[in-house]
C-alpha atoms as a PDB file:
ATOM      1  CA  MET A   1      39.167  19.937  13.794  1.00  0.00           C
ATOM      2  CA  GLU A   2      35.537  20.391  12.845  1.00  0.00           C
ATOM      3  CA  GLN A   3      34.633  16.814  13.833  1.00  0.00           C
ATOM      4  CA  HIS A   4      35.943  14.340  16.387  1.00  0.00           C
ATOM      5  CA  LYS A   5      34.275  11.040  15.554  1.00  0.00           C
ATOM      6  CA  VAL A   6      34.968   9.247  12.286  1.00  0.00           C
ATOM      7  CA  PRO A   7      31.994   7.196  11.030  1.00  0.00           C
ATOM      8  CA  SER A   8      32.783   3.507  10.578  1.00  0.00           C
ATOM      9  CA  GLN A   9      31.840   3.627   6.895  1.00  0.00           C
ATOM     10  CA  GLN A  10      34.826   5.867   6.070  1.00  0.00           C
ATOM     11  CA  ASN A  11      36.688   3.180   4.139  1.00  0.00           C
ATOM     12  CA  VAL A  12      40.224   3.591   2.850  1.00  0.00           C
ATOM     13  CA  ALA A  13      42.256   0.930   1.067  1.00  0.00           C
ATOM     14  CA  VAL A  14      46.005   0.448   0.745  1.00  0.00           C
ATOM     15  CA  PHE A  15      48.049  -1.700  -1.626  1.00  0.00           C
ATOM     16  CA  GLY A  16      51.807  -2.171  -1.440  1.00  0.00           C
ATOM     17  CA  GLU A  17      54.543  -3.787   0.571  1.00  0.00           C
ATOM     18  CA  ALA A  18      54.404  -4.969   4.158  1.00  0.00           C
ATOM     19  CA  LEU A  19      57.855  -6.116   5.182  1.00  0.00           C
ATOM     20  CA  ILE A  20      60.235  -6.552   8.066  1.00  0.00           C
ATOM     21  CA  ASP A  21      62.551  -3.612   8.697  1.00  0.00           C
ATOM     22  CA  LEU A  22      65.727  -4.806  10.391  1.00  0.00           C
ATOM     23  CA  ILE A  23      66.829  -1.482  11.891  1.00  0.00           C
ATOM     24  CA  GLU A  24      70.381  -0.920  13.034  1.00  0.00           C
ATOM     25  CA  GLN A  25      70.644  -0.024  16.715  1.00  0.00           C
ATOM     26  CA  ALA A  26      73.277   2.012  18.564  1.00  0.00           C
ATOM     27  CA  ASP A  27      75.178  -1.165  19.484  1.00  0.00           C
ATOM     28  CA  GLY A  28      75.319  -2.287  15.843  1.00  0.00           C
ATOM     29  CA  GLN A  29      72.689  -4.989  16.282  1.00  0.00           C
ATOM     30  CA  PHE A  30      69.576  -5.113  14.079  1.00  0.00           C
ATOM     31  CA  LYS A  31      66.126  -5.071  15.656  1.00  0.00           C
ATOM     32  CA  PRO A  32      63.054  -6.174  13.658  1.00  0.00           C
ATOM     33  CA  PHE A  33      60.123  -3.807  13.105  1.00  0.00           C
ATOM     34  CA  ILE A  34      57.087  -4.368  10.923  1.00  0.00           C
ATOM     35  CA  GLY A  35      57.106  -1.769   8.158  1.00  0.00           C
ATOM     36  CA  GLY A  36      56.857  -1.051   4.472  1.00  0.00           C
ATOM     37  CA  SER A  37      55.689   2.388   3.355  1.00  0.00           C
ATOM     38  CA  PRO A  38      52.147   1.403   2.243  1.00  0.00           C
ATOM     39  CA  PHE A  39      51.626  -0.789   5.316  1.00  0.00           C
ATOM     40  CA  ASN A  40      52.752   2.130   7.483  1.00  0.00           C
ATOM     41  CA  VAL A  41      50.083   4.279   5.814  1.00  0.00           C
ATOM     42  CA  ALA A  42      47.440   1.610   6.463  1.00  0.00           C
ATOM     43  CA  LEU A  43      48.524   1.431  10.117  1.00  0.00           C
ATOM     44  CA  ALA A  44      48.477   5.200  10.543  1.00  0.00           C
ATOM     45  CA  MET A  45      45.053   5.595   8.961  1.00  0.00           C
ATOM     46  CA  ALA A  46      43.672   2.876  11.249  1.00  0.00           C
ATOM     47  CA  ARG A  47      45.048   4.772  14.246  1.00  0.00           C
ATOM     48  CA  PHE A  48      43.375   7.885  12.886  1.00  0.00           C
ATOM     49  CA  GLY A  49      40.061   6.071  13.201  1.00  0.00           C
ATOM     50  CA  LEU A  50      39.391   5.125   9.585  1.00  0.00           C
ATOM     51  CA  ALA A  51      38.267   1.719   8.349  1.00  0.00           C
ATOM     52  CA  SER A  52      41.684   0.909   6.882  1.00  0.00           C
ATOM     53  CA  HIS A  53      41.811  -2.054   4.490  1.00  0.00           C
ATOM     54  CA  TYR A  54      45.246  -3.482   3.650  1.00  0.00           C
ATOM     55  CA  LEU A  55      44.881  -5.364   0.356  1.00  0.00           C
ATOM     56  CA  ALA A  56      48.330  -6.761  -0.521  1.00  0.00           C
ATOM     57  CA  PRO A  57      48.889 -10.494   0.028  1.00  0.00           C
ATOM     58  CA  ILE A  58      50.644 -11.434   3.264  1.00  0.00           C
ATOM     59  CA  SER A  59      53.048 -14.364   3.350  1.00  0.00           C
ATOM     60  CA  THR A  60      52.220 -17.614   5.104  1.00  0.00           C
ATOM     61  CA  ASP A  61      55.789 -17.682   6.475  1.00  0.00           C
ATOM     62  CA  GLU A  62      56.674 -16.798  10.079  1.00  0.00           C
ATOM     63  CA  MET A  63      57.349 -13.135   9.361  1.00  0.00           C
ATOM     64  CA  GLY A  64      54.100 -12.888   7.415  1.00  0.00           C
ATOM     65  CA  GLN A  65      52.158 -14.279  10.345  1.00  0.00           C
ATOM     66  CA  ARG A  66      53.722 -11.635  12.588  1.00  0.00           C
ATOM     67  CA  ILE A  67      52.607  -8.948  10.129  1.00  0.00           C
ATOM     68  CA  LYS A  68      49.105 -10.412  10.019  1.00  0.00           C
ATOM     69  CA  ALA A  69      48.837 -10.544  13.815  1.00  0.00           C
ATOM     70  CA  TYR A  70      50.089  -6.969  14.129  1.00  0.00           C
ATOM     71  CA  ALA A  71      47.640  -5.722  11.515  1.00  0.00           C
ATOM     72  CA  GLN A  72      44.765  -7.391  13.326  1.00  0.00           C
ATOM     73  CA  LYS A  73      45.922  -5.987  16.675  1.00  0.00           C
ATOM     74  CA  GLU A  74      45.953  -2.487  15.154  1.00  0.00           C
ATOM     75  CA  GLN A  75      42.487  -3.013  13.613  1.00  0.00           C
ATOM     76  CA  VAL A  76      43.789  -2.899  10.052  1.00  0.00           C
ATOM     77  CA  ILE A  77      41.221  -4.833   8.015  1.00  0.00           C
ATOM     78  CA  LEU A  78      42.553  -7.791   6.004  1.00  0.00           C
ATOM     79  CA  PRO A  79      40.721  -9.743   3.267  1.00  0.00           C
ATOM     80  CA  THR A  80      40.275 -13.430   4.061  1.00  0.00           C
ATOM     81  CA  ASN A  81      41.633 -14.551   0.670  1.00  0.00           C
ATOM     82  CA  MET A  82      44.902 -12.593   0.487  1.00  0.00           C
ATOM     83  CA  SER A  83      47.666 -14.933   1.604  1.00  0.00           C
ATOM     84  CA  SER A  84      50.699 -16.017  -0.429  1.00  0.00           C
ATOM     85  CA  ASN A  85      53.232 -18.818  -0.163  1.00  0.00           C
ATOM     86  CA  ARG A  86      55.939 -16.434  -1.366  1.00  0.00           C
ATOM     87  CA  ASN A  87      58.404 -14.993   1.140  1.00  0.00           C
ATOM     88  CA  THR A  88      57.988 -11.842   3.213  1.00  0.00           C
ATOM     89  CA  SER A  89      60.240  -9.039   1.991  1.00  0.00           C
ATOM     90  CA  LEU A  90      63.085  -7.827   4.214  1.00  0.00           C
ATOM     91  CA  ALA A  91      64.814  -4.453   4.469  1.00  0.00           C
ATOM     92  CA  LEU A  92      68.088  -3.757   6.265  1.00  0.00           C
ATOM     93  CA  VAL A  93      67.856  -0.203   7.587  1.00  0.00           C
ATOM     94  CA  TYR A  94      71.061   1.640   8.409  1.00  0.00           C
ATOM     95  CA  LYS A  95      70.996   5.055  10.081  1.00  0.00           C
ATOM     96  CA  ASP A  96      73.409   7.950   9.667  1.00  0.00           C
ATOM     97  CA  ALA A  97      74.408  10.408  12.409  1.00  0.00           C
ATOM     98  CA  ASN A  98      71.179  12.381  11.840  1.00  0.00           C
ATOM     99  CA  GLY A  99      68.976   9.325  12.137  1.00  0.00           C
ATOM    100  CA  GLN A 100      68.222   9.267   8.382  1.00  0.00           C
ATOM    101  CA  PRO A 101      67.575   5.737   7.091  1.00  0.00           C
ATOM    102  CA  ASP A 102      69.325   4.010   4.191  1.00  0.00           C
ATOM    103  CA  TYR A 103      67.933   0.721   2.912  1.00  0.00           C
ATOM    104  CA  SER A 104      69.082  -2.587   1.451  1.00  0.00           C
ATOM    105  CA  LEU A 105      66.064  -4.483   0.108  1.00  0.00           C
ATOM    106  CA  TYR A 106      65.431  -8.197  -0.396  1.00  0.00           C
ATOM    107  CA  ARG A 107      62.527  -8.370  -2.878  1.00  0.00           C
ATOM    108  CA  ASN A 108      62.864 -11.520  -4.998  1.00  0.00           C
ATOM    109  CA  LEU A 109      59.477 -13.228  -5.548  1.00  0.00           C
ATOM    110  CA  VAL A 110      57.796 -11.643  -2.528  1.00  0.00           C
ATOM    111  CA  ALA A 111      54.275 -12.085  -1.219  1.00  0.00           C
ATOM    112  CA  ASP A 112      53.034  -8.504  -1.539  1.00  0.00           C
ATOM    113  CA  LEU A 113      53.320  -8.567  -5.356  1.00  0.00           C
ATOM    114  CA  ASP A 114      51.588 -11.949  -5.731  1.00  0.00           C
ATOM    115  CA  ILE A 115      48.330 -10.539  -7.095  1.00  0.00           C
ATOM    116  CA  SER A 116      46.272  -9.794 -10.212  1.00  0.00           C
ATOM    117  CA  ALA A 117      44.246  -6.695 -11.056  1.00  0.00           C
ATOM    118  CA  GLN A 118      41.072  -8.759 -10.901  1.00  0.00           C
ATOM    119  CA  LYS A 119      41.772 -10.029  -7.392  1.00  0.00           C
ATOM    120  CA  LEU A 120      42.742  -6.583  -6.160  1.00  0.00           C
ATOM    121  CA  THR A 121      39.609  -4.881  -7.478  1.00  0.00           C
ATOM    122  CA  ALA A 122      37.434  -7.729  -6.194  1.00  0.00           C
ATOM    123  CA  ASN A 123      38.622  -7.016  -2.657  1.00  0.00           C
ATOM    124  CA  LEU A 124      37.961  -3.271  -2.700  1.00  0.00           C
ATOM    125  CA  PRO A 125      35.471  -2.309   0.020  1.00  0.00           C
ATOM    126  CA  SER A 126      32.239  -0.543  -0.823  1.00  0.00           C
ATOM    127  CA  ASP A 127      31.913   3.204  -0.246  1.00  0.00           C
ATOM    128  CA  LEU A 128      35.663   3.569  -0.693  1.00  0.00           C
ATOM    129  CA  GLN A 129      36.944   7.086   0.004  1.00  0.00           C
ATOM    130  CA  VAL A 130      40.523   6.734  -1.203  1.00  0.00           C
ATOM    131  CA  PHE A 131      42.843   4.039  -2.586  1.00  0.00           C
ATOM    132  CA  HIS A 132      46.489   4.483  -1.628  1.00  0.00           C
ATOM    133  CA  THR A 133      49.588   2.861  -3.082  1.00  0.00           C
ATOM    134  CA  GLY A 134      53.167   3.661  -4.001  1.00  0.00           C
ATOM    135  CA  SER A 135      56.748   2.836  -3.085  1.00  0.00           C
ATOM    136  CA  LEU A 136      57.772  -0.684  -4.146  1.00  0.00           C
ATOM    137  CA  ALA A 137      54.387  -1.346  -5.765  1.00  0.00           C
ATOM    138  CA  LEU A 138      55.439   1.026  -8.564  1.00  0.00           C
ATOM    139  CA  VAL A 139      58.048  -1.330 -10.017  1.00  0.00           C
ATOM    140  CA  PRO A 140      57.867  -2.228 -13.735  1.00  0.00           C
ATOM    141  CA  GLU A 141      56.360  -5.674 -13.164  1.00  0.00           C
ATOM    142  CA  MET A 142      53.298  -4.023 -11.589  1.00  0.00           C
ATOM    143  CA  THR A 143      52.709  -1.332 -14.226  1.00  0.00           C
ATOM    144  CA  THR A 144      50.086  -3.232 -16.232  1.00  0.00           C
ATOM    145  CA  ILE A 145      48.239  -4.446 -13.133  1.00  0.00           C
ATOM    146  CA  LEU A 146      48.103  -1.035 -11.453  1.00  0.00           C
ATOM    147  CA  THR A 147      47.152   0.742 -14.676  1.00  0.00           C
ATOM    148  CA  GLU A 148      44.133  -1.568 -14.939  1.00  0.00           C
ATOM    149  CA  VAL A 149      43.235  -1.003 -11.278  1.00  0.00           C
ATOM    150  CA  PHE A 150      43.572   2.776 -11.639  1.00  0.00           C
ATOM    151  CA  GLY A 151      41.286   2.676 -14.663  1.00  0.00           C
ATOM    152  CA  TYR A 152      38.666   0.841 -12.612  1.00  0.00           C
ATOM    153  CA  LEU A 153      38.992   3.304  -9.715  1.00  0.00           C
ATOM    154  CA  THR A 154      38.750   6.323 -12.003  1.00  0.00           C
ATOM    155  CA  HIS A 155      35.635   4.897 -13.636  1.00  0.00           C
ATOM    156  CA  LYS A 156      34.124   4.506 -10.148  1.00  0.00           C
ATOM    157  CA  ASN A 157      35.157   8.068  -9.154  1.00  0.00           C
ATOM    158  CA  ILE A 158      37.331   6.764  -6.311  1.00  0.00           C
ATOM    159  CA  ASN A 159      40.216   8.990  -5.227  1.00  0.00           C
ATOM    160  CA  ILE A 160      43.729   7.680  -5.845  1.00  0.00           C
ATOM    161  CA  SER A 161      46.654   8.529  -3.588  1.00  0.00           C
ATOM    162  CA  ILE A 162      50.265   7.725  -4.474  1.00  0.00           C
ATOM    163  CA  ASP A 163      53.494   8.208  -2.534  1.00  0.00           C
ATOM    164  CA  ILE A 164      56.198   7.472  -5.086  1.00  0.00           C
ATOM    165  CA  ASN A 165      58.813   7.034  -2.308  1.00  0.00           C
ATOM    166  CA  MET A 166      61.482   6.010  -4.807  1.00  0.00           C
ATOM    167  CA  ARG A 167      64.187   3.564  -3.766  1.00  0.00           C
ATOM    168  CA  LYS A 168      67.760   4.064  -4.892  1.00  0.00           C
ATOM    169  CA  CYS A 169      68.456   0.394  -4.267  1.00  0.00           C
ATOM    170  CA  ILE A 170      66.859  -0.916  -7.491  1.00  0.00           C
ATOM    171  CA  PRO A 171      69.840  -0.217  -9.799  1.00  0.00           C
ATOM    172  CA  GLU A 172      69.431  -3.257 -12.045  1.00  0.00           C
ATOM    173  CA  GLN A 173      66.268  -1.797 -13.584  1.00  0.00           C
ATOM    174  CA  LYS A 174      66.703   1.901 -12.867  1.00  0.00           C
ATOM    175  CA  ALA A 175      65.549   3.250 -16.243  1.00  0.00           C
ATOM    176  CA  ALA A 176      62.488   0.994 -16.388  1.00  0.00           C
ATOM    177  CA  TYR A 177      61.699   1.780 -12.753  1.00  0.00           C
ATOM    178  CA  ILE A 178      61.773   5.544 -13.362  1.00  0.00           C
ATOM    179  CA  THR A 179      59.586   5.128 -16.451  1.00  0.00           C
ATOM    180  CA  SER A 180      57.087   3.077 -14.448  1.00  0.00           C
ATOM    181  CA  VAL A 181      56.918   5.645 -11.648  1.00  0.00           C
ATOM    182  CA  LYS A 182      56.466   8.539 -14.087  1.00  0.00           C
ATOM    183  CA  GLN A 183      53.639   6.704 -15.828  1.00  0.00           C
ATOM    184  CA  LEU A 184      51.785   5.509 -12.749  1.00  0.00           C
ATOM    185  CA  MET A 185      52.005   8.673 -10.638  1.00  0.00           C
ATOM    186  CA  LEU A 186      49.945  10.644 -13.177  1.00  0.00           C
ATOM    187  CA  HIS A 187      46.902   8.586 -12.135  1.00  0.00           C
ATOM    188  CA  ALA A 188      47.008  10.081  -8.628  1.00  0.00           C
ATOM    189  CA  ASN A 189      44.610  12.723  -7.369  1.00  0.00           C
ATOM    190  CA  TYR A 190      46.828  13.125  -4.293  1.00  0.00           C
ATOM    191  CA  LEU A 191      50.566  12.721  -4.820  1.00  0.00           C
ATOM    192  CA  LYS A 192      53.445  12.736  -2.326  1.00  0.00           C
ATOM    193  CA  VAL A 193      57.011  13.368  -3.479  1.00  0.00           C
ATOM    194  CA  SER A 194      60.209  14.131  -1.601  1.00  0.00           C
ATOM    195  CA  ASP A 195      63.254  16.090  -2.686  1.00  0.00           C
ATOM    196  CA  GLU A 196      65.063  12.752  -3.146  1.00  0.00           C
ATOM    197  CA  ASP A 197      62.195  11.457  -5.306  1.00  0.00           C
ATOM    198  CA  LEU A 198      62.314  14.513  -7.528  1.00  0.00           C
ATOM    199  CA  ASP A 199      66.097  14.280  -7.846  1.00  0.00           C
ATOM    200  CA  ALA A 200      65.617  10.708  -9.120  1.00  0.00           C
ATOM    201  CA  LEU A 201      63.017  11.915 -11.624  1.00  0.00           C
ATOM    202  CA  GLY A 202      65.324  14.614 -12.989  1.00  0.00           C
ATOM    203  CA  ALA A 203      64.040  17.796 -11.331  1.00  0.00           C
ATOM    204  CA  ASN A 204      67.612  19.150 -11.122  1.00  0.00           C
ATOM    205  CA  GLY A 205      66.869  21.010  -7.914  1.00  0.00           C
ATOM    206  CA  GLU A 206      63.893  22.899  -9.398  1.00  0.00           C
ATOM    207  CA  TYR A 207      61.503  21.152  -7.055  1.00  0.00           C
ATOM    208  CA  LEU A 208      58.563  23.546  -6.889  1.00  0.00           C
ATOM    209  CA  ALA A 209      58.658  24.195 -10.627  1.00  0.00           C
ATOM    210  CA  TYR A 210      58.677  20.439 -11.264  1.00  0.00           C
ATOM    211  CA  CYS A 211      55.670  20.025  -8.941  1.00  0.00           C
ATOM    212  CA  GLN A 212      53.797  22.763 -10.774  1.00  0.00           C
ATOM    213  CA  GLN A 213      54.443  20.958 -14.052  1.00  0.00           C
ATOM    214  CA  LEU A 214      53.036  17.758 -12.553  1.00  0.00           C
ATOM    215  CA  LEU A 215      49.892  19.613 -11.502  1.00  0.00           C
ATOM    216  CA  GLN A 216      49.231  20.319 -15.179  1.00  0.00           C
ATOM    217  CA  GLN A 217      49.384  16.614 -16.048  1.00  0.00           C
ATOM    218  CA  GLY A 218      47.214  13.572 -15.465  1.00  0.00           C
ATOM    219  CA  SER A 219      44.741  13.625 -12.592  1.00  0.00           C
ATOM    220  CA  ILE A 220      46.916  15.301  -9.949  1.00  0.00           C
ATOM    221  CA  LYS A 221      45.090  17.930  -7.854  1.00  0.00           C
ATOM    222  CA  LEU A 222      47.297  18.194  -4.755  1.00  0.00           C
ATOM    223  CA  ILE A 223      50.977  17.441  -4.176  1.00  0.00           C
ATOM    224  CA  ALA A 224      52.611  17.010  -0.789  1.00  0.00           C
ATOM    225  CA  PHE A 225      56.278  17.874  -1.310  1.00  0.00           C
ATOM    226  CA  THR A 226      58.311  16.825   1.733  1.00  0.00           C
ATOM    227  CA  GLN A 227      61.883  17.752   2.587  1.00  0.00           C
ATOM    228  CA  GLY A 228      62.423  15.940   5.871  1.00  0.00           C
ATOM    229  CA  ALA A 229      63.699  18.264   8.587  1.00  0.00           C
ATOM    230  CA  ASP A 230      63.370  21.208   6.185  1.00  0.00           C
ATOM    231  CA  GLY A 231      59.577  21.019   6.184  1.00  0.00           C
ATOM    232  CA  ALA A 232      56.843  20.373   3.644  1.00  0.00           C
ATOM    233  CA  THR A 233      54.900  22.239   0.973  1.00  0.00           C
ATOM    234  CA  LEU A 234      51.364  21.461  -0.145  1.00  0.00           C
ATOM    235  CA  LEU A 235      50.714  22.593  -3.698  1.00  0.00           C
ATOM    236  CA  THR A 236      47.644  22.897  -5.889  1.00  0.00           C
ATOM    237  CA  ALA A 237      47.320  24.593  -9.259  1.00  0.00           C
ATOM    238  CA  LYS A 238      46.223  27.782  -7.449  1.00  0.00           C
ATOM    239  CA  GLN A 239      47.852  27.758  -4.004  1.00  0.00           C
ATOM    240  CA  SER A 240      50.884  26.560  -2.099  1.00  0.00           C
ATOM    241  CA  CYS A 241      51.564  26.310   1.614  1.00  0.00           C
ATOM    242  CA  PHE A 242      54.997  25.746   3.148  1.00  0.00           C
ATOM    243  CA  LEU A 243      55.432  24.913   6.822  1.00  0.00           C
ATOM    244  CA  PRO A 244      58.716  24.092   8.580  1.00  0.00           C
ATOM    245  CA  ALA A 245      59.044  20.693  10.207  1.00  0.00           C
ATOM    246  CA  ILE A 246      58.192  20.553  13.904  1.00  0.00           C
ATOM    247  CA  PRO A 247      61.254  19.268  15.787  1.00  0.00           C
ATOM    248  CA  PRO A 248      60.465  16.573  18.363  1.00  0.00           C
ATOM    249  CA  ALA A 249      61.521  16.994  21.972  1.00  0.00           C
ATOM    250  CA  GLN A 250      63.891  14.092  21.346  1.00  0.00           C
ATOM    251  CA  LEU A 251      64.586  12.400  18.009  1.00  0.00           C
ATOM    252  CA  ALA A 252      64.378   8.604  18.026  1.00  0.00           C
ATOM    253  CA  ASP A 253      64.622   7.994  14.267  1.00  0.00           C
ATOM    254  CA  THR A 254      62.893   9.141  11.088  1.00  0.00           C
ATOM    255  CA  VAL A 255      61.536   5.762   9.979  1.00  0.00           C
ATOM    256  CA  GLY A 256      57.991   6.203   8.698  1.00  0.00           C
ATOM    257  CA  ALA A 257      57.974  10.001   9.047  1.00  0.00           C
ATOM    258  CA  GLY A 258      56.854  10.613   5.461  1.00  0.00           C
ATOM    259  CA  ASP A 259      54.325   7.788   5.639  1.00  0.00           C
ATOM    260  CA  THR A 260      52.835   9.266   8.790  1.00  0.00           C
ATOM    261  CA  PHE A 261      52.746  12.754   7.261  1.00  0.00           C
ATOM    262  CA  PHE A 262      50.846  11.602   4.181  1.00  0.00           C
ATOM    263  CA  ALA A 263      48.515   9.271   6.086  1.00  0.00           C
ATOM    264  CA  ALA A 264      47.674  12.121   8.452  1.00  0.00           C
ATOM    265  CA  MET A 265      46.965  14.394   5.509  1.00  0.00           C
ATOM    266  CA  LEU A 266      44.652  11.858   3.890  1.00  0.00           C
ATOM    267  CA  ALA A 267      42.928  11.058   7.183  1.00  0.00           C
ATOM    268  CA  TYR A 268      42.332  14.762   7.785  1.00  0.00           C
ATOM    269  CA  LEU A 269      40.743  15.100   4.352  1.00  0.00           C
ATOM    270  CA  VAL A 270      38.485  12.081   4.880  1.00  0.00           C
ATOM    271  CA  HIS A 271      37.624  13.086   8.442  1.00  0.00           C
ATOM    272  CA  ASN A 272      36.592  16.581   7.360  1.00  0.00           C
ATOM    273  CA  GLN A 273      34.770  15.370   4.233  1.00  0.00           C
ATOM    274  CA  LEU A 274      37.262  17.094   1.951  1.00  0.00           C
ATOM    275  CA  ILE A 275      38.642  14.014   0.197  1.00  0.00           C
ATOM    276  CA  SER A 276      36.210  14.282  -2.714  1.00  0.00           C
ATOM    277  CA  VAL A 277      36.306  18.078  -2.937  1.00  0.00           C
ATOM    278  CA  ASP A 278      38.383  19.360  -5.859  1.00  0.00           C
ATOM    279  CA  ALA A 279      41.671  19.988  -4.045  1.00  0.00           C
ATOM    280  CA  SER A 280      42.602  22.685  -6.549  1.00  0.00           C
ATOM    281  CA  GLU A 281      39.909  24.787  -4.866  1.00  0.00           C
ATOM    282  CA  PHE A 282      41.374  24.511  -1.350  1.00  0.00           C
ATOM    283  CA  THR A 283      42.007  27.876   0.279  1.00  0.00           C
ATOM    284  CA  GLN A 284      45.257  28.959   1.892  1.00  0.00           C
ATOM    285  CA  VAL A 285      43.650  28.525   5.318  1.00  0.00           C
ATOM    286  CA  GLN A 286      42.603  24.963   4.497  1.00  0.00           C
ATOM    287  CA  LEU A 287      46.062  24.050   3.206  1.00  0.00           C
ATOM    288  CA  THR A 288      47.651  25.487   6.351  1.00  0.00           C
ATOM    289  CA  LYS A 289      45.419  23.400   8.603  1.00  0.00           C
ATOM    290  CA  ILE A 290      46.052  20.247   6.572  1.00  0.00           C
ATOM    291  CA  ASN A 291      49.813  20.820   6.548  1.00  0.00           C
ATOM    292  CA  SER A 292      49.870  21.590  10.294  1.00  0.00           C
ATOM    293  CA  PHE A 293      47.989  18.414  11.164  1.00  0.00           C
ATOM    294  CA  ALA A 294      50.320  16.275   9.048  1.00  0.00           C
ATOM    295  CA  ALA A 295      53.455  17.981  10.405  1.00  0.00           C
ATOM    296  CA  ILE A 296      52.394  17.378  14.001  1.00  0.00           C
ATOM    297  CA  ALA A 297      51.734  13.702  13.285  1.00  0.00           C
ATOM    298  CA  ALA A 298      55.167  13.298  11.672  1.00  0.00           C
ATOM    299  CA  SER A 299      56.847  15.036  14.615  1.00  0.00           C
ATOM    300  CA  ILE A 300      55.235  12.684  17.109  1.00  0.00           C
ATOM    301  CA  ASN A 301      56.262   9.698  14.978  1.00  0.00           C
ATOM    302  CA  VAL A 302      59.954  10.657  14.865  1.00  0.00           C
ATOM    303  CA  SER A 303      60.006  10.958  18.653  1.00  0.00           C
ATOM    304  CA  ARG A 304      59.424   7.186  18.709  1.00  0.00           C
ATOM    305  CA  HIS A 305      61.417   4.246  17.355  1.00  0.00           C
ATOM    306  CA  GLY A 306      60.317   2.728  14.051  1.00  0.00           C
ATOM    307  CA  CYS A 307      57.065   3.748  12.402  1.00  0.00           C
ATOM    308  CA  ASN A 308      54.761   4.400  15.357  1.00  0.00           C
ATOM    309  CA  PRO A 309      52.112   6.927  14.263  1.00  0.00           C
ATOM    310  CA  PRO A 310      49.936   8.872  16.697  1.00  0.00           C
ATOM    311  CA  ASN A 311      46.145   8.906  16.813  1.00  0.00           C
ATOM    312  CA  PHE A 312      43.791  11.838  16.311  1.00  0.00           C
ATOM    313  CA  ALA A 313      43.661  12.692  20.017  1.00  0.00           C
ATOM    314  CA  GLU A 314      47.444  12.929  20.288  1.00  0.00           C
ATOM    315  CA  VAL A 315      47.674  15.243  17.291  1.00  0.00           C
ATOM    316  CA  THR A 316      44.815  17.509  18.352  1.00  0.00           C
ATOM    317  CA  GLU A 317      46.125  17.724  21.922  1.00  0.00           C
ATOM    318  CA  PHE A 318      49.560  18.719  20.589  1.00  0.00           C
ATOM    319  CA  ALA A 319      47.945  21.352  18.364  1.00  0.00           C
ATOM    320  CA  GLN A 320      46.015  22.794  21.267  1.00  0.00           C
ATOM    321  CA  ARG A 321      49.119  22.994  23.469  1.00  0.00           C
ATOM    322  CA  GLN A 322      51.043  24.769  20.700  1.00  0.00           C
ATOM    323  CA  ASN A 323      48.066  26.905  19.609  1.00  0.00           C
ATOM    324  CA  MET A 324      48.376  25.590  16.055  1.00  0.00           C
ATOM    325  CA  PRO A 325      45.457  25.718  13.590  1.00  0.00           C
ATOM    326  CA  VAL A 326      44.027  22.304  12.685  1.00  0.00           C
END
């Protein structure tokens, strides 16, 4: 890394679900963890030393208060006017023999979607480096709101990051959901997609070709294409960089691995003052360093239970031990 201290004014903002993951344990019992893909990103970026603002409403119910207390403990910054009397969302998380999660979601009238475009933009911090969203915020009911917010951000020259993180468990509105995701993701400057995401969007296994098509559309400058244990590829219109995943010494589970990867990537870009550089101009060396940093962070996360991202020191120490370029 070129720098080791992140100035306090490096503001990032996150919008999307914070929920309770009830994760199946080896004995068949379910243990609660605070999660939600966007909240995980906010948590990770706070641990990476950024001023991380989480802007979705948090429920006034018991689970919401646990989320609020955890966010404050982790130094995630919360607006004072972003509470909701709606319920906290829940996710039942089942794991297969390889530790891969499968989800059942409970998302009827939930707190994190209880917002207007005006309220969201009013709570954006000044000197904002990047606005991140995705996952369950990309549902059809949010399309109009997010389109308005993205228009505001684009007008202000604020970078937009989206992890589409599509959920197979929204079958009752599948067609509308896919349409919403396809529309909203084109507003991103930085986009994360997985092989499962691209399958849902109709890539038919032609993942890299599909990503290259996306790079010719909308505002997208860099795509992080993740394939779990098979590694990740960073793509721009001019370059691509594949790196295999780094296996942990011992796998706990893969919850939050993709969130940690993308948060680490974004934090690296902010930390090294690359977030506002045209990503299409990144060199192969730069992409390799960015991908390495993110892969290390994801590896450390999957060695722990739930989403438990590392901090900068842990990632850089790992890189030094393994003689990896970051």
